[in-house]
Amino acid sequence: MNQDILNKPVLDVEDIQKYLGIGKRQSYELVHSGEFHFVKIGRRIKISTEVFLKWLNGSN
């Protein structure tokens, strides 16, 4: 299932939550921490999978 998430070109907070195995609140805190770029579309938050993986691998 985690690999299916990474096949998407764009992630949302729920995807990050599932992939990292963290809670909803922690996911939103991570996204808003400034560690990586995200885009807000209305109330939705979208993160490029490429950007997320670079952050995860320490290649930020």
PDB file of N, CA and C in Angstrom:
ATOM      1  N   MET A   1       0.821  -1.199   0.000  1.00  0.00           N
ATOM      2  CA  MET A   1       0.000   0.000   0.000  1.00  0.00           C
ATOM      3  C   MET A   1       0.862   1.260   0.000  1.00  0.00           C
ATOM      4  N   ASN A   2       1.932   1.265   0.784  1.00  0.00           N
ATOM      5  CA  ASN A   2       2.782   2.451   0.834  1.00  0.00           C
ATOM      6  C   ASN A   2       3.382   2.770  -0.524  1.00  0.00           C
ATOM      7  N   GLN A   3       3.733   1.748  -1.292  1.00  0.00           N
ATOM      8  CA  GLN A   3       4.291   1.987  -2.619  1.00  0.00           C
ATOM      9  C   GLN A   3       3.244   2.572  -3.554  1.00  0.00           C
ATOM     10  N   ASP A   4       1.981   2.192  -3.391  1.00  0.00           N
ATOM     11  CA  ASP A   4       0.907   2.763  -4.203  1.00  0.00           C
ATOM     12  C   ASP A   4       0.823   4.270  -3.995  1.00  0.00           C
ATOM     13  N   ILE A   5       1.024   4.697  -2.761  1.00  0.00           N
ATOM     14  CA  ILE A   5       0.985   6.124  -2.443  1.00  0.00           C
ATOM     15  C   ILE A   5       2.056   6.862  -3.240  1.00  0.00           C
ATOM     16  N   LEU A   6       3.246   6.288  -3.310  1.00  0.00           N
ATOM     17  CA  LEU A   6       4.353   6.964  -3.981  1.00  0.00           C
ATOM     18  C   LEU A   6       4.231   6.947  -5.499  1.00  0.00           C
ATOM     19  N   ASN A   7       3.307   6.174  -6.039  1.00  0.00           N
ATOM     20  CA  ASN A   7       3.068   6.171  -7.479  1.00  0.00           C
ATOM     21  C   ASN A   7       2.236   7.367  -7.917  1.00  0.00           C
ATOM     22  N   LYS A   8       1.650   8.075  -6.964  1.00  0.00           N
ATOM     23  CA  LYS A   8       0.864   9.269  -7.278  1.00  0.00           C
ATOM     24  C   LYS A   8       1.813  10.440  -7.498  1.00  0.00           C
ATOM     25  N   PRO A   9       1.554  11.290  -8.475  1.00  0.00           N
ATOM     26  CA  PRO A   9       2.439  12.438  -8.699  1.00  0.00           C
ATOM     27  C   PRO A   9       2.321  13.506  -7.610  1.00  0.00           C
ATOM     28  N   VAL A  10       1.159  13.573  -6.974  1.00  0.00           N
ATOM     29  CA  VAL A  10       0.908  14.582  -5.949  1.00  0.00           C
ATOM     30  C   VAL A  10       0.272  13.901  -4.738  1.00  0.00           C
ATOM     31  N   LEU A  11       0.750  14.259  -3.555  1.00  0.00           N
ATOM     32  CA  LEU A  11       0.245  13.674  -2.316  1.00  0.00           C
ATOM     33  C   LEU A  11      -0.609  14.677  -1.567  1.00  0.00           C
ATOM     34  N   ASP A  12      -1.445  14.176  -0.701  1.00  0.00           N
ATOM     35  CA  ASP A  12      -2.139  15.045   0.234  1.00  0.00           C
ATOM     36  C   ASP A  12      -1.704  14.665   1.646  1.00  0.00           C
ATOM     37  N   VAL A  13      -2.184  15.370   2.632  1.00  0.00           N
ATOM     38  CA  VAL A  13      -1.749  15.155   4.006  1.00  0.00           C
ATOM     39  C   VAL A  13      -2.073  13.730   4.465  1.00  0.00           C
ATOM     40  N   GLU A  14      -3.200  13.218   4.040  1.00  0.00           N
ATOM     41  CA  GLU A  14      -3.584  11.855   4.419  1.00  0.00           C
ATOM     42  C   GLU A  14      -2.590  10.823   3.870  1.00  0.00           C
ATOM     43  N   ASP A  15      -2.100  11.046   2.661  1.00  0.00           N
ATOM     44  CA  ASP A  15      -1.102  10.141   2.090  1.00  0.00           C
ATOM     45  C   ASP A  15       0.174  10.129   2.932  1.00  0.00           C
ATOM     46  N   ILE A  16       0.612  11.307   3.321  1.00  0.00           N
ATOM     47  CA  ILE A  16       1.815  11.413   4.152  1.00  0.00           C
ATOM     48  C   ILE A  16       1.588  10.738   5.498  1.00  0.00           C
ATOM     49  N   GLN A  17       0.413  10.945   6.040  1.00  0.00           N
ATOM     50  CA  GLN A  17       0.054  10.319   7.312  1.00  0.00           C
ATOM     51  C   GLN A  17       0.149   8.793   7.212  1.00  0.00           C
ATOM     52  N   LYS A  18      -0.439   8.232   6.180  1.00  0.00           N
ATOM     53  CA  LYS A  18      -0.428   6.782   5.991  1.00  0.00           C
ATOM     54  C   LYS A  18       0.986   6.274   5.731  1.00  0.00           C
ATOM     55  N   TYR A  19       1.732   6.970   4.893  1.00  0.00           N
ATOM     56  CA  TYR A  19       3.066   6.511   4.521  1.00  0.00           C
ATOM     57  C   TYR A  19       4.011   6.497   5.722  1.00  0.00           C
ATOM     58  N   LEU A  20       3.946   7.548   6.523  1.00  0.00           N
ATOM     59  CA  LEU A  20       4.849   7.644   7.671  1.00  0.00           C
ATOM     60  C   LEU A  20       4.306   6.947   8.917  1.00  0.00           C
ATOM     61  N   GLY A  21       3.033   6.589   8.891  1.00  0.00           N
ATOM     62  CA  GLY A  21       2.436   5.926  10.049  1.00  0.00           C
ATOM     63  C   GLY A  21       2.306   6.848  11.250  1.00  0.00           C
ATOM     64  N   ILE A  22       1.943   8.094  10.974  1.00  0.00           N
ATOM     65  CA  ILE A  22       1.782   9.085  12.046  1.00  0.00           C
ATOM     66  C   ILE A  22       0.335   9.558  12.073  1.00  0.00           C
ATOM     67  N   GLY A  23      -0.001  10.301  13.096  1.00  0.00           N
ATOM     68  CA  GLY A  23      -1.361  10.780  13.252  1.00  0.00           C
ATOM     69  C   GLY A  23      -1.676  11.977  12.367  1.00  0.00           C
ATOM     70  N   LYS A  24      -2.948  12.274  12.291  1.00  0.00           N
ATOM     71  CA  LYS A  24      -3.421  13.385  11.458  1.00  0.00           C
ATOM     72  C   LYS A  24      -2.816  14.709  11.910  1.00  0.00           C
ATOM     73  N   ARG A  25      -2.830  14.935  13.204  1.00  0.00           N
ATOM     74  CA  ARG A  25      -2.284  16.185  13.737  1.00  0.00           C
ATOM     75  C   ARG A  25      -0.792  16.306  13.429  1.00  0.00           C
ATOM     76  N   GLN A  26      -0.053  15.219  13.621  1.00  0.00           N
ATOM     77  CA  GLN A  26       1.381  15.237  13.331  1.00  0.00           C
ATOM     78  C   GLN A  26       1.633  15.510  11.848  1.00  0.00           C
ATOM     79  N   SER A  27       0.784  14.968  10.989  1.00  0.00           N
ATOM     80  CA  SER A  27       0.930  15.176   9.552  1.00  0.00           C
ATOM     81  C   SER A  27       0.780  16.647   9.200  1.00  0.00           C
ATOM     82  N   TYR A  28      -0.234  17.282   9.750  1.00  0.00           N
ATOM     83  CA  TYR A  28      -0.439  18.709   9.484  1.00  0.00           C
ATOM     84  C   TYR A  28       0.692  19.547  10.072  1.00  0.00           C
ATOM     85  N   GLU A  29       1.175  19.175  11.240  1.00  0.00           N
ATOM     86  CA  GLU A  29       2.299  19.899  11.837  1.00  0.00           C
ATOM     87  C   GLU A  29       3.538  19.783  10.959  1.00  0.00           C
ATOM     88  N   LEU A  30       3.781  18.602  10.418  1.00  0.00           N
ATOM     89  CA  LEU A  30       4.921  18.390   9.536  1.00  0.00           C
ATOM     90  C   LEU A  30       4.808  19.250   8.285  1.00  0.00           C
ATOM     91  N   VAL A  31       3.643  19.230   7.672  1.00  0.00           N
ATOM     92  CA  VAL A  31       3.442  20.002   6.443  1.00  0.00           C
ATOM     93  C   VAL A  31       3.635  21.494   6.705  1.00  0.00           C
ATOM     94  N   HIS A  32       3.160  21.972   7.824  1.00  0.00           N
ATOM     95  CA  HIS A  32       3.260  23.399   8.140  1.00  0.00           C
ATOM     96  C   HIS A  32       4.586  23.774   8.802  1.00  0.00           C
ATOM     97  N   SER A  33       5.487  22.809   8.965  1.00  0.00           N
ATOM     98  CA  SER A  33       6.771  23.079   9.626  1.00  0.00           C
ATOM     99  C   SER A  33       7.735  23.852   8.738  1.00  0.00           C
ATOM    100  N   GLY A  34       7.446  23.910   7.433  1.00  0.00           N
ATOM    101  CA  GLY A  34       8.346  24.602   6.518  1.00  0.00           C
ATOM    102  C   GLY A  34       9.460  23.706   6.000  1.00  0.00           C
ATOM    103  N   GLU A  35       9.400  22.425   6.293  1.00  0.00           N
ATOM    104  CA  GLU A  35      10.434  21.488   5.856  1.00  0.00           C
ATOM    105  C   GLU A  35      10.400  21.247   4.350  1.00  0.00           C
ATOM    106  N   PHE A  36       9.225  21.351   3.757  1.00  0.00           N
ATOM    107  CA  PHE A  36       9.113  21.172   2.314  1.00  0.00           C
ATOM    108  C   PHE A  36       7.971  22.021   1.778  1.00  0.00           C
ATOM    109  N   HIS A  37       8.025  22.261   0.488  1.00  0.00           N
ATOM    110  CA  HIS A  37       7.049  23.119  -0.189  1.00  0.00           C
ATOM    111  C   HIS A  37       5.732  22.374  -0.386  1.00  0.00           C
ATOM    112  N   PHE A  38       4.636  23.084  -0.185  1.00  0.00           N
ATOM    113  CA  PHE A  38       3.313  22.537  -0.489  1.00  0.00           C
ATOM    114  C   PHE A  38       2.478  23.622  -1.138  1.00  0.00           C
ATOM    115  N   VAL A  39       1.402  23.209  -1.760  1.00  0.00           N
ATOM    116  CA  VAL A  39       0.496  24.131  -2.432  1.00  0.00           C
ATOM    117  C   VAL A  39      -0.878  23.975  -1.806  1.00  0.00           C
ATOM    118  N   LYS A  40      -1.518  25.092  -1.555  1.00  0.00           N
ATOM    119  CA  LYS A  40      -2.874  25.067  -1.034  1.00  0.00           C
ATOM    120  C   LYS A  40      -3.841  25.382  -2.158  1.00  0.00           C
ATOM    121  N   ILE A  41      -4.810  24.513  -2.348  1.00  0.00           N
ATOM    122  CA  ILE A  41      -5.848  24.719  -3.349  1.00  0.00           C
ATOM    123  C   ILE A  41      -7.162  24.744  -2.588  1.00  0.00           C
ATOM    124  N   GLY A  42      -7.664  25.940  -2.370  1.00  0.00           N
ATOM    125  CA  GLY A  42      -8.815  26.065  -1.482  1.00  0.00           C
ATOM    126  C   GLY A  42      -8.398  25.639  -0.085  1.00  0.00           C
ATOM    127  N   ARG A  43      -9.066  24.651   0.459  1.00  0.00           N
ATOM    128  CA  ARG A  43      -8.707  24.129   1.782  1.00  0.00           C
ATOM    129  C   ARG A  43      -7.815  22.895   1.701  1.00  0.00           C
ATOM    130  N   ARG A  44      -7.548  22.461   0.484  1.00  0.00           N
ATOM    131  CA  ARG A  44      -6.747  21.253   0.299  1.00  0.00           C
ATOM    132  C   ARG A  44      -5.264  21.584   0.215  1.00  0.00           C
ATOM    133  N   ILE A  45      -4.458  20.687   0.767  1.00  0.00           N
ATOM    134  CA  ILE A  45      -3.009  20.836   0.738  1.00  0.00           C
ATOM    135  C   ILE A  45      -2.447  19.731  -0.144  1.00  0.00           C
ATOM    136  N   LYS A  46      -1.601  20.112  -1.088  1.00  0.00           N
ATOM    137  CA  LYS A  46      -0.999  19.163  -2.015  1.00  0.00           C
ATOM    138  C   LYS A  46       0.515  19.286  -1.968  1.00  0.00           C
ATOM    139  N   ILE A  47       1.188  18.132  -1.979  1.00  0.00           N
ATOM    140  CA  ILE A  47       2.640  18.081  -1.924  1.00  0.00           C
ATOM    141  C   ILE A  47       3.129  17.215  -3.073  1.00  0.00           C
ATOM    142  N   SER A  48       4.089  17.697  -3.814  1.00  0.00           N
ATOM    143  CA  SER A  48       4.679  16.907  -4.887  1.00  0.00           C
ATOM    144  C   SER A  48       5.352  15.681  -4.274  1.00  0.00           C
ATOM    145  N   THR A  49       5.113  14.520  -4.859  1.00  0.00           N
ATOM    146  CA  THR A  49       5.742  13.294  -4.360  1.00  0.00           C
ATOM    147  C   THR A  49       7.254  13.415  -4.439  1.00  0.00           C
ATOM    148  N   GLU A  50       7.746  14.030  -5.499  1.00  0.00           N
ATOM    149  CA  GLU A  50       9.188  14.222  -5.663  1.00  0.00           C
ATOM    150  C   GLU A  50       9.765  15.066  -4.525  1.00  0.00           C
ATOM    151  N   VAL A  51       9.081  16.141  -4.175  1.00  0.00           N
ATOM    152  CA  VAL A  51       9.528  17.015  -3.084  1.00  0.00           C
ATOM    153  C   VAL A  51       9.506  16.261  -1.760  1.00  0.00           C
ATOM    154  N   PHE A  52       8.454  15.501  -1.524  1.00  0.00           N
ATOM    155  CA  PHE A  52       8.345  14.733  -0.286  1.00  0.00           C
ATOM    156  C   PHE A  52       9.460  13.705  -0.170  1.00  0.00           C
ATOM    157  N   LEU A  53       9.739  12.992  -1.243  1.00  0.00           N
ATOM    158  CA  LEU A  53      10.780  11.969  -1.207  1.00  0.00           C
ATOM    159  C   LEU A  53      12.167  12.571  -1.023  1.00  0.00           C
ATOM    160  N   LYS A  54      12.415  13.723  -1.646  1.00  0.00           N
ATOM    161  CA  LYS A  54      13.695  14.404  -1.440  1.00  0.00           C
ATOM    162  C   LYS A  54      13.855  14.773   0.026  1.00  0.00           C
ATOM    163  N   TRP A  55      12.807  15.291   0.642  1.00  0.00           N
ATOM    164  CA  TRP A  55      12.844  15.628   2.067  1.00  0.00           C
ATOM    165  C   TRP A  55      13.083  14.376   2.904  1.00  0.00           C
ATOM    166  N   LEU A  56      12.374  13.314   2.595  1.00  0.00           N
ATOM    167  CA  LEU A  56      12.471  12.081   3.353  1.00  0.00           C
ATOM    168  C   LEU A  56      13.864  11.488   3.272  1.00  0.00           C
ATOM    169  N   ASN A  57      14.506  11.614   2.135  1.00  0.00           N
ATOM    170  CA  ASN A  57      15.845  11.070   1.926  1.00  0.00           C
ATOM    171  C   ASN A  57      16.956  12.046   2.310  1.00  0.00           C
ATOM    172  N   GLY A  58      16.578  13.216   2.811  1.00  0.00           N
ATOM    173  CA  GLY A  58      17.576  14.185   3.256  1.00  0.00           C
ATOM    174  C   GLY A  58      18.240  14.943   2.122  1.00  0.00           C
ATOM    175  N   SER A  59      17.608  14.970   0.970  1.00  0.00           N
ATOM    176  CA  SER A  59      18.192  15.655  -0.182  1.00  0.00           C
ATOM    177  C   SER A  59      17.563  17.008  -0.414  1.00  0.00           C
ATOM    178  N   ASN A  60      17.039  17.604   0.615  1.00  0.00           N
ATOM    179  CA  ASN A  60      16.305  18.861   0.510  1.00  0.00           C
ATOM    180  C   ASN A  60      17.156  19.952   0.078  1.00  0.00           C
TER     181      ASN A  60
END
